[in-house]
Protein backbone atom coordinates (compact mmCIF):
# COMPACT_ATOMS: atom_id res chain seq x y z
CA MET A 1 -21.04 24.18 37.51
CA CYS A 2 -23.48 22.30 35.24
CA GLY A 3 -26.62 20.77 35.48
CA ILE A 4 -29.02 19.51 38.23
CA VAL A 5 -32.17 17.90 37.35
CA GLY A 6 -33.90 16.36 40.05
CA PHE A 7 -37.46 14.38 40.32
CA VAL A 8 -40.22 13.78 42.52
CA GLY A 9 -43.41 11.18 42.11
CA THR A 10 -44.39 7.65 42.58
CA ARG A 11 -42.74 6.13 39.72
CA ASN A 12 -39.14 4.66 39.53
CA CYS A 13 -37.08 7.59 38.31
CA VAL A 14 -33.83 6.70 37.08
CA ASP A 15 -33.91 6.25 33.79
CA SER A 16 -35.81 9.94 33.51
CA LEU A 17 -33.26 11.33 35.62
CA LEU A 18 -30.28 10.31 33.52
CA ASP A 19 -32.52 11.45 30.05
CA GLN A 20 -33.10 14.81 31.54
CA LEU A 21 -29.17 15.08 32.05
CA LEU A 22 -28.19 14.18 28.53
CA ARG A 23 -30.44 17.41 27.35
CA LEU A 24 -27.88 19.68 29.41
CA GLU A 25 -25.11 17.95 27.97
CA TYR A 26 -24.37 20.18 25.97
CA ARG A 27 -22.94 22.61 28.75
CA GLY A 28 -20.01 20.07 28.96
CA TYR A 29 -18.75 18.61 32.01
CA ASP A 30 -16.71 16.22 33.78
CA SER A 31 -18.52 14.12 35.61
CA ALA A 32 -21.54 12.81 36.88
CA GLY A 33 -23.10 11.50 39.23
CA ILE A 34 -27.37 10.53 40.82
CA ALA A 35 -28.44 9.79 44.34
CA VAL A 36 -32.05 8.58 45.30
CA VAL A 37 -33.71 7.58 48.14
CA ASN A 38 -35.89 4.46 48.01
CA ASP A 39 -37.35 2.23 50.89
CA GLY A 40 -35.84 4.52 53.25
CA ALA A 41 -32.25 4.39 51.35
CA LEU A 42 -30.29 6.92 50.33
CA ASN A 43 -28.79 5.92 47.29
CA VAL A 44 -25.58 7.87 45.56
CA VAL A 45 -23.79 5.98 42.17
CA LYS A 46 -21.13 8.73 40.72
CA THR A 47 -18.47 8.34 38.32
CA VAL A 48 -15.75 11.26 35.87
CA GLY A 49 -16.53 11.13 32.59
CA LYS A 50 -19.60 11.09 30.78
CA ILE A 51 -23.22 10.14 31.94
CA ARG A 52 -23.20 7.16 29.42
CA ASP A 53 -20.73 5.58 32.25
CA LEU A 54 -22.72 6.81 34.73
CA LYS A 55 -26.21 5.14 33.21
CA ALA A 56 -23.17 1.84 32.94
CA ILE A 57 -23.07 1.82 36.70
CA THR A 58 -26.31 1.85 37.54
CA GLY A 59 -27.41 -1.24 37.94
CA ASP A 60 -30.71 -1.89 39.43
CA LEU A 61 -30.78 1.93 41.55
CA THR A 62 -34.57 2.90 41.65
CA GLY A 63 -36.56 5.59 43.74
CA THR A 64 -39.17 7.94 43.83
CA LEU A 65 -37.17 10.33 44.72
CA GLY A 66 -33.83 11.40 42.79
CA ILE A 67 -31.31 14.28 42.35
CA CYS A 68 -28.94 14.25 39.25
CA HIS A 69 -25.81 16.36 38.66
CA THR A 70 -23.04 17.18 36.19
CA ARG A 71 -19.99 18.82 37.11
CA TRP A 72 -17.86 21.05 35.48
CA ALA A 73 -14.79 21.75 37.84
CA THR A 74 -14.42 24.88 40.06
CA HIS A 75 -13.09 23.36 43.11
CA GLY A 76 -10.57 20.50 42.61
CA ALA A 77 -10.02 18.12 40.10
CA PRO A 78 -12.32 15.72 38.34
CA SER A 79 -12.77 12.62 40.49
CA THR A 80 -15.10 10.66 41.73
CA PRO A 81 -15.02 12.21 45.19
CA ASN A 82 -15.37 15.57 44.05
CA SER A 83 -18.77 14.55 41.42
CA HIS A 84 -21.72 15.74 42.51
CA PRO A 85 -24.65 14.80 44.29
CA HIS A 86 -22.15 15.23 47.71
CA THR A 87 -23.89 13.95 50.90
CA SER A 88 -23.51 14.66 54.94
CA CYS A 89 -21.29 12.93 57.51
CA ALA A 90 -24.61 10.18 58.57
CA GLY A 91 -25.36 9.68 54.03
CA ASP A 92 -28.34 10.28 54.85
CA ILE A 93 -28.97 14.55 53.07
CA ALA A 94 -27.36 14.33 49.43
CA VAL A 95 -26.64 18.23 48.01
CA VAL A 96 -26.24 18.87 43.92
CA HIS A 97 -24.85 22.76 43.44
CA ASN A 98 -23.95 24.98 40.76
CA GLY A 99 -22.13 28.29 42.12
CA ILE A 100 -19.38 29.50 44.19
CA VAL A 101 -18.96 29.68 48.24
CA GLU A 102 -17.03 32.04 48.89
CA ASN A 103 -16.61 30.96 52.58
CA TYR A 104 -16.55 27.59 51.68
CA LEU A 105 -12.71 27.19 53.84
CA GLU A 106 -14.02 29.31 56.61
CA LEU A 107 -17.48 27.29 56.89
CA ARG A 108 -14.79 23.87 56.14
CA ALA A 109 -12.88 24.67 59.61
CA GLU A 110 -15.51 24.88 61.75
CA LEU A 111 -17.78 22.09 60.85
CA GLN A 112 -14.62 20.14 61.19
CA ALA A 113 -13.97 21.80 64.11
CA LYS A 114 -17.16 19.77 65.17
CA GLY A 115 -16.55 16.38 64.11
CA HIS A 116 -17.85 16.60 60.27
CA VAL A 117 -15.34 14.57 57.97
CA PHE A 118 -15.26 16.15 54.95
CA LYS A 119 -14.56 13.72 51.39
CA SER A 120 -13.37 15.52 48.80
CA GLU A 121 -11.80 19.08 47.77
CA THR A 122 -15.12 20.89 46.84
CA ASP A 123 -17.07 24.00 48.24
CA THR A 124 -20.52 21.80 47.39
CA GLU A 125 -19.40 19.79 50.50
CA VAL A 126 -19.72 22.12 52.93
CA ILE A 127 -23.34 22.58 52.10
CA ALA A 128 -24.35 18.97 52.86
CA HIS A 129 -22.49 19.22 56.27
CA LEU A 130 -24.30 22.57 56.69
CA ILE A 131 -28.22 21.64 56.23
CA GLU A 132 -26.65 18.28 58.38
CA LYS A 133 -26.18 20.57 61.23
CA HIS A 134 -29.17 22.47 60.87
CA PHE A 135 -31.66 19.66 60.33
CA ARG A 136 -34.20 18.29 63.39
CA GLY A 137 -36.64 16.59 61.01
CA ASP A 138 -37.69 19.79 58.62
CA LEU A 139 -35.30 19.54 55.55
CA LEU A 140 -36.58 22.85 54.08
CA GLU A 141 -36.10 24.83 57.08
CA ALA A 142 -32.51 22.70 57.42
CA VAL A 143 -32.23 24.39 53.74
CA ARG A 144 -33.06 27.42 54.87
CA ASP A 145 -30.80 27.77 58.01
CA ALA A 146 -27.71 26.56 55.84
CA VAL A 147 -27.73 28.90 53.04
CA LYS A 148 -28.61 31.90 54.85
CA GLU A 149 -24.23 31.08 56.77
CA ILE A 150 -23.14 30.86 52.29
CA ASP A 151 -21.01 33.81 51.04
CA GLY A 152 -21.76 33.55 47.15
CA SER A 153 -24.09 32.06 44.91
CA TYR A 154 -25.78 28.79 44.23
CA ALA A 155 -28.14 26.59 42.68
CA ILE A 156 -28.94 23.79 45.18
CA GLY A 157 -30.94 20.56 45.08
CA VAL A 158 -31.14 18.60 48.36
CA ILE A 159 -33.00 15.13 49.20
CA SER A 160 -32.69 13.54 52.74
CA LYS A 161 -33.84 9.47 53.11
CA HIS A 162 -36.31 11.07 56.42
CA ASN A 163 -37.78 12.91 53.89
CA PRO A 164 -38.62 10.39 51.08
CA GLY A 165 -41.22 12.17 49.61
CA ILE A 166 -39.56 16.05 49.55
CA LEU A 167 -37.34 17.61 47.23
CA VAL A 168 -35.85 21.01 48.32
CA ALA A 169 -34.43 23.91 45.91
CA ALA A 170 -33.36 27.26 46.44
CA ARG A 171 -31.22 29.90 44.53
CA LYS A 172 -29.45 32.96 44.38
CA ASP A 173 -27.13 34.11 41.71
CA SER A 174 -26.99 31.01 39.45
CA PRO A 175 -30.32 29.59 37.66
CA LEU A 176 -32.53 27.25 38.31
CA ILE A 177 -36.60 25.99 37.61
CA VAL A 178 -39.13 24.22 38.75
CA GLY A 179 -41.32 21.97 36.79
CA VAL A 180 -44.99 22.10 37.06
CA GLY A 181 -46.14 18.37 35.84
CA THR A 182 -49.58 15.73 37.24
CA GLY A 183 -48.18 13.65 39.98
CA GLU A 184 -45.02 14.45 40.08
CA ASN A 185 -43.21 17.96 39.31
CA TYR A 186 -39.24 18.86 38.71
CA ILE A 187 -36.44 20.83 39.28
CA ALA A 188 -32.56 21.27 36.84
CA SER A 189 -31.28 24.36 35.97
CA ASP A 190 -32.00 25.09 32.51
CA ILE A 191 -35.26 24.70 30.57
CA PRO A 192 -34.26 21.86 28.30
CA ALA A 193 -33.99 19.42 30.79
CA LEU A 194 -37.85 18.89 31.56
CA LEU A 195 -39.24 19.34 27.66
CA GLY A 196 -40.08 16.16 27.27
CA HIS A 197 -41.97 15.91 30.54
CA THR A 198 -43.70 19.33 30.75
CA ARG A 199 -44.31 22.86 29.28
CA GLU A 200 -45.47 24.73 32.54
CA PHE A 201 -42.23 25.97 34.64
CA MET A 202 -41.38 27.95 37.25
CA VAL A 203 -38.73 30.62 37.16
CA LEU A 204 -36.76 31.03 41.05
CA GLU A 205 -35.56 34.50 41.83
CA ASP A 206 -32.50 34.98 43.86
CA GLY A 207 -33.44 34.30 47.58
CA ASP A 208 -36.20 31.38 47.11
CA LEU A 209 -36.58 28.32 48.14
CA ALA A 210 -38.80 26.14 46.36
CA LEU A 211 -40.57 22.89 48.68
CA LEU A 212 -41.68 20.22 45.84
CA THR A 213 -43.63 17.37 46.32
CA LYS A 214 -45.43 14.68 43.70
CA ASP A 215 -48.77 17.15 44.49
CA LYS A 216 -47.77 20.17 45.49
CA ILE A 217 -44.95 22.75 44.86
CA GLU A 218 -44.37 25.29 48.17
CA LEU A 219 -42.14 28.43 47.35
CA SER A 220 -41.17 30.50 49.99
CA SER A 221 -37.72 33.29 50.52
CA VAL A 222 -34.42 32.49 52.64
CA LYS A 223 -36.66 34.91 55.25
CA GLY A 224 -39.05 32.38 55.95
CA GLY A 225 -42.28 34.04 54.49
CA PRO A 226 -44.27 32.46 51.72
CA ILE A 227 -44.39 34.06 48.07
CA THR A 228 -45.22 33.05 43.81
CA ARG A 229 -43.80 32.70 41.04
CA LYS A 230 -45.75 33.26 37.74
CA VAL A 231 -46.35 29.56 36.25
CA LEU A 232 -45.17 30.04 32.56
CA GLU A 233 -45.24 28.15 29.74
CA ILE A 234 -42.79 27.57 27.32
CA THR A 235 -43.35 26.61 23.13
CA TRP A 236 -39.24 25.89 22.59
CA ASP A 237 -38.30 22.92 20.53
CA VAL A 238 -35.53 21.26 22.47
CA GLY A 239 -33.28 23.08 19.91
CA ALA A 240 -34.04 26.50 20.76
CA ALA A 241 -34.33 25.82 24.46
CA GLU A 242 -30.99 25.25 24.91
CA LYS A 243 -30.04 28.29 23.82
CA GLY A 244 -31.94 29.51 26.02
CA GLY A 245 -34.06 31.13 23.20
CA TYR A 246 -31.86 32.29 21.27
CA ASP A 247 -31.08 31.75 17.52
CA HIS A 248 -27.13 31.67 18.57
CA PHE A 249 -25.35 29.92 21.51
CA MET A 250 -23.08 32.64 20.80
CA ILE A 251 -25.45 35.90 20.77
CA LYS A 252 -26.36 33.56 24.28
CA GLU A 253 -23.24 33.92 25.29
CA ILE A 254 -22.61 37.23 24.71
CA HIS A 255 -25.62 37.55 27.22
CA GLU A 256 -23.74 35.55 29.91
CA GLN A 257 -21.11 37.72 30.29
CA PRO A 258 -22.54 39.91 33.00
CA ALA A 259 -22.30 37.22 35.33
CA ALA A 260 -19.36 35.52 33.83
CA VAL A 261 -17.43 38.58 34.77
CA ARG A 262 -19.51 38.53 38.17
CA ASP A 263 -18.79 35.31 38.63
CA THR A 264 -14.72 35.30 37.86
CA LEU A 265 -14.37 38.43 40.49
CA ARG A 266 -16.05 36.70 42.98
CA GLY A 267 -14.90 35.53 46.47
CA ARG A 268 -10.97 37.69 44.99
CA LEU A 269 -12.74 41.06 45.64
CA THR A 270 -12.11 41.28 49.91
CA PRO A 271 -14.23 44.11 51.71
CA GLU A 272 -11.05 45.52 51.77
CA ASP A 273 -10.96 46.75 48.40
CA THR A 274 -7.86 44.20 48.10
CA VAL A 275 -7.26 41.05 45.34
CA SER A 276 -7.07 37.69 46.98
CA LEU A 277 -5.87 35.30 44.70
CA GLU A 278 -5.51 32.17 47.24
CA GLU A 279 -4.86 30.05 43.54
CA MET A 280 -1.69 31.79 43.07
CA LYS A 281 0.62 29.92 44.75
CA LEU A 282 4.11 31.13 44.19
CA SER A 283 6.77 32.12 47.48
CA PRO A 284 7.61 35.21 48.29
CA GLU A 285 10.71 34.41 46.68
CA GLN A 286 8.87 33.67 43.12
CA LEU A 287 7.10 36.59 43.81
CA ARG A 288 9.71 38.84 43.97
CA LYS A 289 12.55 37.59 41.68
CA PHE A 290 10.87 38.08 38.74
CA ASN A 291 12.42 40.84 36.51
CA ARG A 292 10.06 40.03 32.30
CA ILE A 293 7.35 38.69 31.86
CA TYR A 294 6.06 36.51 28.65
CA ILE A 295 2.60 36.06 28.24
CA VAL A 296 1.53 33.30 26.21
CA ALA A 297 -1.90 32.31 24.03
CA CYS A 298 -3.15 31.79 20.74
CA GLY A 299 -6.72 33.48 19.20
CA THR A 300 -8.32 34.69 21.04
CA ALA A 301 -6.20 34.42 23.97
CA TYR A 302 -4.02 36.16 22.34
CA TYR A 303 -5.46 39.75 22.39
CA ALA A 304 -6.63 39.24 25.44
CA GLY A 305 -3.13 38.64 26.77
CA CYS A 306 -2.17 41.93 24.40
CA VAL A 307 -4.52 43.41 26.97
CA GLY A 308 -2.97 42.37 29.77
CA LYS A 309 0.73 43.50 28.35
CA TYR A 310 -0.57 46.50 28.79
CA PHE A 311 -2.40 46.57 32.75
CA PHE A 312 0.76 44.94 33.18
CA GLU A 313 3.53 47.10 32.68
CA LYS A 314 1.82 49.97 33.98
CA VAL A 315 1.20 48.39 37.40
CA LEU A 316 3.81 46.46 37.50
CA GLY A 317 6.87 48.60 35.51
CA VAL A 318 8.32 44.99 34.45
CA PRO A 319 8.80 44.44 30.74
CA VAL A 320 6.00 42.57 28.87
CA GLU A 321 6.07 40.28 25.71
CA VAL A 322 3.28 38.48 24.62
CA ASP A 323 3.34 36.07 22.42
CA LEU A 324 1.79 33.58 19.89
CA ALA A 325 1.96 30.68 21.71
CA SER A 326 2.99 28.88 18.04
CA GLU A 327 5.59 31.24 17.46
CA PHE A 328 7.22 31.37 20.92
CA ARG A 329 9.32 27.96 20.93
CA TYR A 330 11.06 29.20 17.69
CA ARG A 331 12.14 32.43 18.09
CA GLY A 332 14.16 31.05 20.97
CA PRO A 333 13.18 33.28 23.66
CA ILE A 334 15.21 34.49 26.35
CA LEU A 335 13.78 31.94 29.32
CA ASP A 336 15.27 32.25 32.68
CA ASP A 337 14.81 31.31 36.71
CA LYS A 338 13.69 35.37 37.12
CA SER A 339 11.34 34.87 33.62
CA LEU A 340 7.00 34.52 34.83
CA VAL A 341 5.65 33.17 31.95
CA VAL A 342 1.49 33.47 31.74
CA ALA A 343 -0.48 31.56 29.64
CA ILE A 344 -4.31 31.80 28.79
CA SER A 345 -6.17 29.49 27.56
CA GLN A 346 -9.90 28.45 27.14
CA SER A 347 -9.61 24.27 27.19
CA GLY A 348 -6.20 24.37 29.31
CA GLU A 349 -5.12 21.47 26.16
CA THR A 350 -4.12 24.07 23.59
CA ALA A 351 -1.17 22.05 21.98
CA ASP A 352 0.93 25.19 21.08
CA THR A 353 0.30 27.27 24.56
CA LEU A 354 1.55 24.00 26.24
CA ALA A 355 4.78 23.45 24.85
CA ALA A 356 5.64 26.77 25.65
CA ILE A 357 4.65 26.10 29.28
CA ARG A 358 6.67 22.68 28.96
CA LEU A 359 9.92 25.20 27.26
CA ALA A 360 9.61 27.85 30.46
CA LYS A 361 9.65 25.28 33.20
CA LYS A 362 12.40 23.06 31.35
CA LEU A 363 14.33 26.92 31.59
CA LYS A 364 14.04 26.90 34.38
CA SER A 365 11.23 29.69 34.89
CA THR A 366 8.23 30.52 37.32
CA THR A 367 4.24 29.80 35.58
CA ALA A 368 0.97 30.54 35.59
CA ALA A 369 -1.94 29.96 34.26
CA VAL A 370 -4.95 31.47 32.96
CA VAL A 371 -7.59 28.86 32.18
CA ASN A 372 -11.26 27.81 32.24
CA VAL A 373 -11.20 24.44 32.79
CA VAL A 374 -10.17 22.84 35.98
CA GLY A 375 -7.87 19.44 35.69
CA SER A 376 -6.83 20.42 32.37
CA SER A 377 -3.60 19.76 31.62
CA LEU A 378 -2.53 23.86 31.31
CA TYR A 379 -4.29 23.51 34.59
CA ARG A 380 -2.02 20.42 36.12
CA GLU A 381 0.99 21.92 34.57
CA CYS A 382 1.68 25.34 35.64
CA HIS A 383 3.34 26.55 38.91
CA SER A 384 -0.06 28.72 39.51
CA ILE A 385 -3.41 29.40 38.48
CA LEU A 386 -5.92 31.60 37.69
CA TYR A 387 -9.48 29.72 37.20
CA THR A 388 -11.44 32.09 35.14
CA ARG A 389 -15.34 30.27 35.75
CA ALA A 390 -16.28 31.34 32.51
CA GLY A 391 -18.06 28.66 32.55
CA PRO A 392 -18.55 26.24 29.30
CA GLU A 393 -18.85 27.97 26.07
CA ILE A 394 -19.95 26.03 23.39
CA CYS A 395 -20.10 28.53 20.36
CA VAL A 396 -16.23 28.25 18.62
CA ALA A 397 -16.19 31.70 18.24
CA SER A 398 -15.32 32.67 22.24
CA THR A 399 -16.85 35.56 24.10
CA LYS A 400 -17.51 35.09 27.39
CA ALA A 401 -14.65 32.98 28.22
CA TYR A 402 -12.38 35.84 26.46
CA ILE A 403 -14.33 38.61 28.54
CA THR A 404 -12.99 36.27 31.88
CA GLN A 405 -9.94 36.26 30.27
CA VAL A 406 -9.15 39.83 30.77
CA ILE A 407 -10.44 40.13 34.10
CA GLY A 408 -8.05 37.27 35.35
CA LEU A 409 -5.27 39.67 33.73
CA TYR A 410 -6.16 42.08 35.94
CA LEU A 411 -6.57 40.89 38.49
CA MET A 412 -3.59 38.82 38.82
CA GLY A 413 -1.77 42.14 37.72
CA VAL A 414 -3.21 43.34 40.63
CA TYR A 415 -2.60 40.84 43.04
CA LEU A 416 1.11 40.97 41.67
CA ALA A 417 2.38 44.33 41.92
CA ARG A 418 1.02 44.44 45.49
CA ALA A 419 2.27 41.76 46.20
CA ARG A 420 5.98 43.50 45.15
CA GLY A 421 5.25 46.32 46.40
CA ALA A 422 4.74 47.90 42.90
CA MET A 423 1.72 49.05 43.54
CA SER A 424 0.19 51.33 46.52
CA ALA A 425 -2.48 49.93 49.21
CA GLY A 426 -4.98 53.29 47.84
CA GLN A 427 -4.26 52.67 44.67
CA GLU A 428 -5.41 48.98 44.79
CA LYS A 429 -8.23 50.51 46.67
CA GLU A 430 -9.09 52.24 43.45
CA TYR A 431 -8.62 49.03 40.76
CA VAL A 432 -10.53 47.34 43.36
CA GLN A 433 -13.57 49.34 43.48
CA GLU A 434 -13.20 49.94 39.41
CA LEU A 435 -12.76 45.98 38.75
CA ARG A 436 -16.97 45.83 41.18
CA LYS A 437 -17.89 48.06 38.17
CA LEU A 438 -17.46 45.61 35.61
CA PRO A 439 -20.18 43.06 35.60
CA GLU A 440 -22.97 45.79 35.70
CA LEU A 441 -21.14 47.61 32.86
CA VAL A 442 -21.48 44.68 31.03
CA GLU A 443 -24.49 44.53 31.03
CA GLU A 444 -25.45 48.60 30.17
CA SER A 445 -23.18 47.87 27.15
CA LEU A 446 -25.11 44.90 25.97
CA GLN A 447 -27.77 47.65 25.57
CA THR A 448 -26.01 48.99 22.07
CA GLU A 449 -27.69 46.25 20.66
CA GLU A 450 -30.79 47.80 18.78
CA GLN A 451 -28.61 50.00 17.72
CA ILE A 452 -25.66 47.63 16.51
CA LYS A 453 -28.48 45.42 14.43
CA GLU A 454 -29.20 48.63 12.44
CA ILE A 455 -25.43 49.45 11.55
CA SER A 456 -24.80 45.76 10.34
CA GLN A 457 -27.29 45.24 8.09
CA LYS A 458 -25.41 48.46 6.30
CA LEU A 459 -21.60 46.71 7.97
CA SER A 460 -23.06 43.83 5.48
CA PRO A 461 -22.50 43.79 2.51
CA LYS A 462 -19.00 44.94 2.21
CA GLU A 463 -16.22 42.43 1.84
CA HIS A 464 -13.21 44.88 4.04
CA ALA A 465 -13.80 45.89 7.28
CA TYR A 466 -10.65 48.03 9.28
CA PHE A 467 -10.19 48.08 13.19
CA LEU A 468 -8.49 50.79 14.12
CA GLY A 469 -7.07 52.68 17.85
CA ARG A 470 -3.92 53.17 20.08
CA GLY A 471 -3.15 51.81 23.51
CA LEU A 472 -5.38 49.71 24.67
CA ASP A 473 -7.98 50.15 21.89
CA TYR A 474 -6.25 49.01 19.62
CA ALA A 475 -6.07 45.66 21.30
CA VAL A 476 -9.62 45.42 21.75
CA GLY A 477 -9.78 46.43 17.59
CA LEU A 478 -7.05 43.26 17.31
CA GLU A 479 -10.34 40.93 19.14
CA GLY A 480 -13.07 42.77 17.47
CA ALA A 481 -11.30 42.07 13.83
CA LEU A 482 -10.84 38.22 14.66
CA LYS A 483 -15.04 38.02 15.49
CA LEU A 484 -15.93 39.64 12.80
CA LYS A 485 -13.81 37.71 10.42
CA GLU A 486 -14.65 33.66 12.23
CA ILE A 487 -18.16 34.03 11.89
CA SER A 488 -19.31 36.50 9.02
CA TYR A 489 -15.77 35.75 6.90
CA ILE A 490 -15.85 39.67 5.74
CA HIS A 491 -11.84 40.30 5.83
CA ALA A 492 -11.40 42.18 8.53
CA GLU A 493 -7.96 43.68 9.70
CA ALA A 494 -7.08 45.98 13.04
CA TYR A 495 -4.12 48.10 13.13
CA ALA A 496 -2.36 50.78 15.62
CA ALA A 497 -3.76 54.25 14.29
CA GLY A 498 -0.67 55.30 14.09
CA GLU A 499 0.99 52.56 11.45
CA MET A 500 -2.00 53.69 8.53
CA LYS A 501 0.57 56.04 6.98
CA HIS A 502 2.84 53.67 6.85
CA GLY A 503 0.82 51.53 4.10
CA PRO A 504 -2.22 50.30 4.97
CA LEU A 505 -3.83 54.29 3.87
CA ALA A 506 -3.66 52.50 0.52
CA LEU A 507 -6.45 50.50 1.15
CA ILE A 508 -8.57 52.84 2.33
CA THR A 509 -11.00 54.17 -0.46
CA LYS A 510 -15.20 55.37 -0.58
CA ASP A 511 -16.71 53.16 1.42
CA THR A 512 -14.00 51.24 3.33
CA TRP A 513 -15.54 50.70 6.69
CA ILE A 514 -13.78 51.65 9.69
CA ILE A 515 -13.89 51.01 13.28
CA VAL A 516 -12.33 53.25 16.30
CA PRO A 517 -13.07 52.39 20.06
CA VAL A 518 -11.73 55.97 20.97
CA THR A 519 -11.99 55.55 24.72
CA GLN A 520 -8.20 56.04 26.29
CA ASP A 521 -7.62 59.91 26.88
CA HIS A 522 -4.30 59.81 26.52
CA VAL A 523 -4.17 59.18 22.77
CA ARG A 524 -7.79 60.45 22.30
CA GLU A 525 -6.87 63.46 19.87
CA LYS A 526 -4.49 60.84 17.87
CA THR A 527 -6.72 59.02 17.11
CA ILE A 528 -9.33 61.69 15.96
CA SER A 529 -6.44 62.52 13.51
CA ASN A 530 -6.38 59.27 11.97
CA ILE A 531 -10.58 58.71 11.73
CA LYS A 532 -9.91 62.32 9.93
CA GLU A 533 -7.37 61.03 7.63
CA MET A 534 -10.31 57.91 7.19
CA GLN A 535 -12.75 60.47 6.28
CA ALA A 536 -10.89 62.45 4.24
CA ARG A 537 -11.00 59.54 2.37
CA GLY A 538 -14.50 58.71 2.24
CA ALA A 539 -14.53 56.01 4.67
CA THR A 540 -17.27 54.88 6.50
CA ILE A 541 -16.96 55.42 10.31
CA LEU A 542 -18.19 53.66 13.63
CA ALA A 543 -16.74 55.19 16.47
CA VAL A 544 -17.08 53.58 19.72
CA LEU A 545 -17.32 55.74 22.85
CA LYS A 546 -17.28 56.42 25.92
CA GLN A 547 -19.69 58.33 27.95
CA GLY A 548 -19.19 61.28 29.24
CA ASP A 549 -16.48 62.43 26.47
CA PRO A 550 -17.46 64.05 23.97
CA ASP A 551 -19.49 63.73 20.64
CA LEU A 552 -17.95 62.94 17.27
CA SER A 553 -20.66 62.78 14.70
CA GLU A 554 -18.75 65.25 13.16
CA VAL A 555 -16.18 63.09 11.22
CA VAL A 556 -17.58 59.79 11.76
CA ASP A 557 -20.67 57.87 10.20
CA HIS A 558 -22.02 56.15 13.06
CA VAL A 559 -21.61 56.39 17.08
CA VAL A 560 -21.68 54.17 20.06
CA TRP A 561 -22.10 54.91 23.29
CA VAL A 562 -19.97 52.68 26.31
CA PRO A 563 -19.96 53.46 30.04
CA ARG A 564 -17.54 55.40 31.55
CA VAL A 565 -14.97 53.24 34.19
CA HIS A 566 -10.76 53.63 34.37
CA ASP A 567 -9.34 54.13 31.37
CA LEU A 568 -7.28 50.84 31.91
CA PHE A 569 -10.49 49.00 32.64
CA MET A 570 -12.15 50.54 29.27
CA PRO A 571 -11.14 46.82 26.78
CA VAL A 572 -14.70 44.85 29.07
CA PRO A 573 -17.51 47.23 27.91
CA THR A 574 -15.94 48.22 24.84
CA ILE A 575 -15.72 44.05 23.15
CA VAL A 576 -19.45 44.58 23.70
CA PRO A 577 -20.63 45.98 20.54
CA LEU A 578 -17.85 44.80 18.29
CA GLN A 579 -19.02 41.04 19.33
CA LEU A 580 -22.47 41.80 18.55
CA LEU A 581 -21.40 43.23 15.76
CA SER A 582 -20.04 40.60 14.14
CA TYR A 583 -22.99 38.43 15.17
CA TRP A 584 -25.40 40.22 13.75
CA THR A 585 -23.87 40.86 11.36
CA SER A 586 -22.83 37.41 10.33
CA LYS A 587 -27.08 36.29 11.08
CA ILE A 588 -27.49 38.91 8.24
CA LEU A 589 -25.82 36.72 5.93
CA ASP A 590 -26.51 33.88 7.06
CA ARG A 591 -23.31 32.41 8.05
CA GLU A 592 -22.91 29.12 10.52
CA ILE A 593 -22.32 31.47 13.50
CA ASP A 594 -21.76 29.33 16.14
CA GLN A 595 -19.85 27.17 13.56
CA PRO A 596 -18.14 28.51 11.47
CA ARG A 597 -16.42 27.01 8.98
CA ASN A 598 -12.53 25.51 9.29
CA LEU A 599 -12.51 26.25 13.04
CA ALA A 600 -12.71 24.15 15.85
CA LYS A 601 -12.87 24.76 19.67
CA SER A 602 -10.15 23.07 20.81
CA VAL A 603 -7.01 23.34 19.10
CA THR A 604 -4.70 20.30 20.30
CA VAL A 605 -2.51 19.29 17.22
CA GLU A 606 0.10 22.27 16.18
């Protein structure tokens, strides 16, 4: 799920393709590969590791038609067989792919029954075999017929030795662009790859197919009719292009959250409104046996775990403890074979979290992980895995990884509750229907950005800010405070609103900033009482309210409205304006947003 580039022309394209792929290296990846057509032969070279490792083994590989790919593992661990490009049985068709083929298991079984032999664990390989199944000499039509059988998302580039001057591309729910050249044309998953070769691009839309030769580009729909797309001239420099035109990776990744949520849900919500988690490989005995859950994580992942605690206890009726992984081992946790330990980590390499899981396994506990990197240490060591599909996250301060961790915990909670008989079929259906709304609700929450910019102007001169909330609003406040402190360097703390009278209220003076999510119906009036205590002391108050609730403008200074969903799922739309508040406050203060001082993306030592 990372970088795609493709070329068709008259010159040797190998070095050019590898250089283009290097421009996408910032996206993160675990393996790389290239396929080229030359003198009637299709040659494929791929390897685990970096693009420089691939370059070292290409030797005298040449060709005037080629595709190249960097892979971020989703189905199957990082390995050479799982790397892209993937080929047909005959080795005459090669495919690179970003996205998720939801129905790959069914397609794979059907193709194997017809004699197709698979060489990898990936979902992508079925695309190569589907194209082979439909190929009758016309590569474009074979791709068109193949994608009609695919459920899920895809951005694909396809070449065949039987059509040596043709590059075919198709897109659905995963970005893909066409670069317009002179005597040569290109495809790529992102603009930076091609800026050294062209400034003219067409952005493919869902359902588009493209046929490229050295001299022409023809676009058509998946149904077969011709279409046109506007040619855009890009004036960005390479640095801006890597960020999609945004000033920082953080704001780009905030805006990628609707897609990240959609991808994490994809294939896990069935047409019957149930949750299907094939990767949760727990036996019926393991599912029934545990009588306590421990959630262990660090930093942002820990705050995702705080949301998970509330949700798990509500739907499972089982006691849940959420622990900082750095403290877990040293407090002597009471673990046994009736404990389920759930670890959360973006990288899957967090040292404290790995140590906690190793302790849990030593004490015979069942372990599960919510993780964003297939093949990582955590991924390999836990009994069961839920992969979050956030994709690479470049900014040190986590946004889309956090929101997909929360989604992963929701999915796990519903799955476990239903499997244990703690949730009725009707309740599961209700929750699944709410989960389906979340990508669009995150998109709607992003519409608060212009208002947040104005509020940030007023917050940025302050030295302190406090986040208050009750229940799940408190969990969201914890993450909101972390975001503000780690990139703006404003001192920010989160408190359970009911605790303010037990000490922290001494800190509240005139113009102290208070940020309060108010989205939980059962504690709304109590939270409003806490807000009035802040108002009486002259605080400046920002309230985040859900649409349809009574306005609080009489008791607060600023109101931000977010879309409404079941209270248990409100942390998802609510966190977005808090992320935006941190970003825009930090931008006004001219901070190093993507790489804040003293911090690292993955903490691999204690």
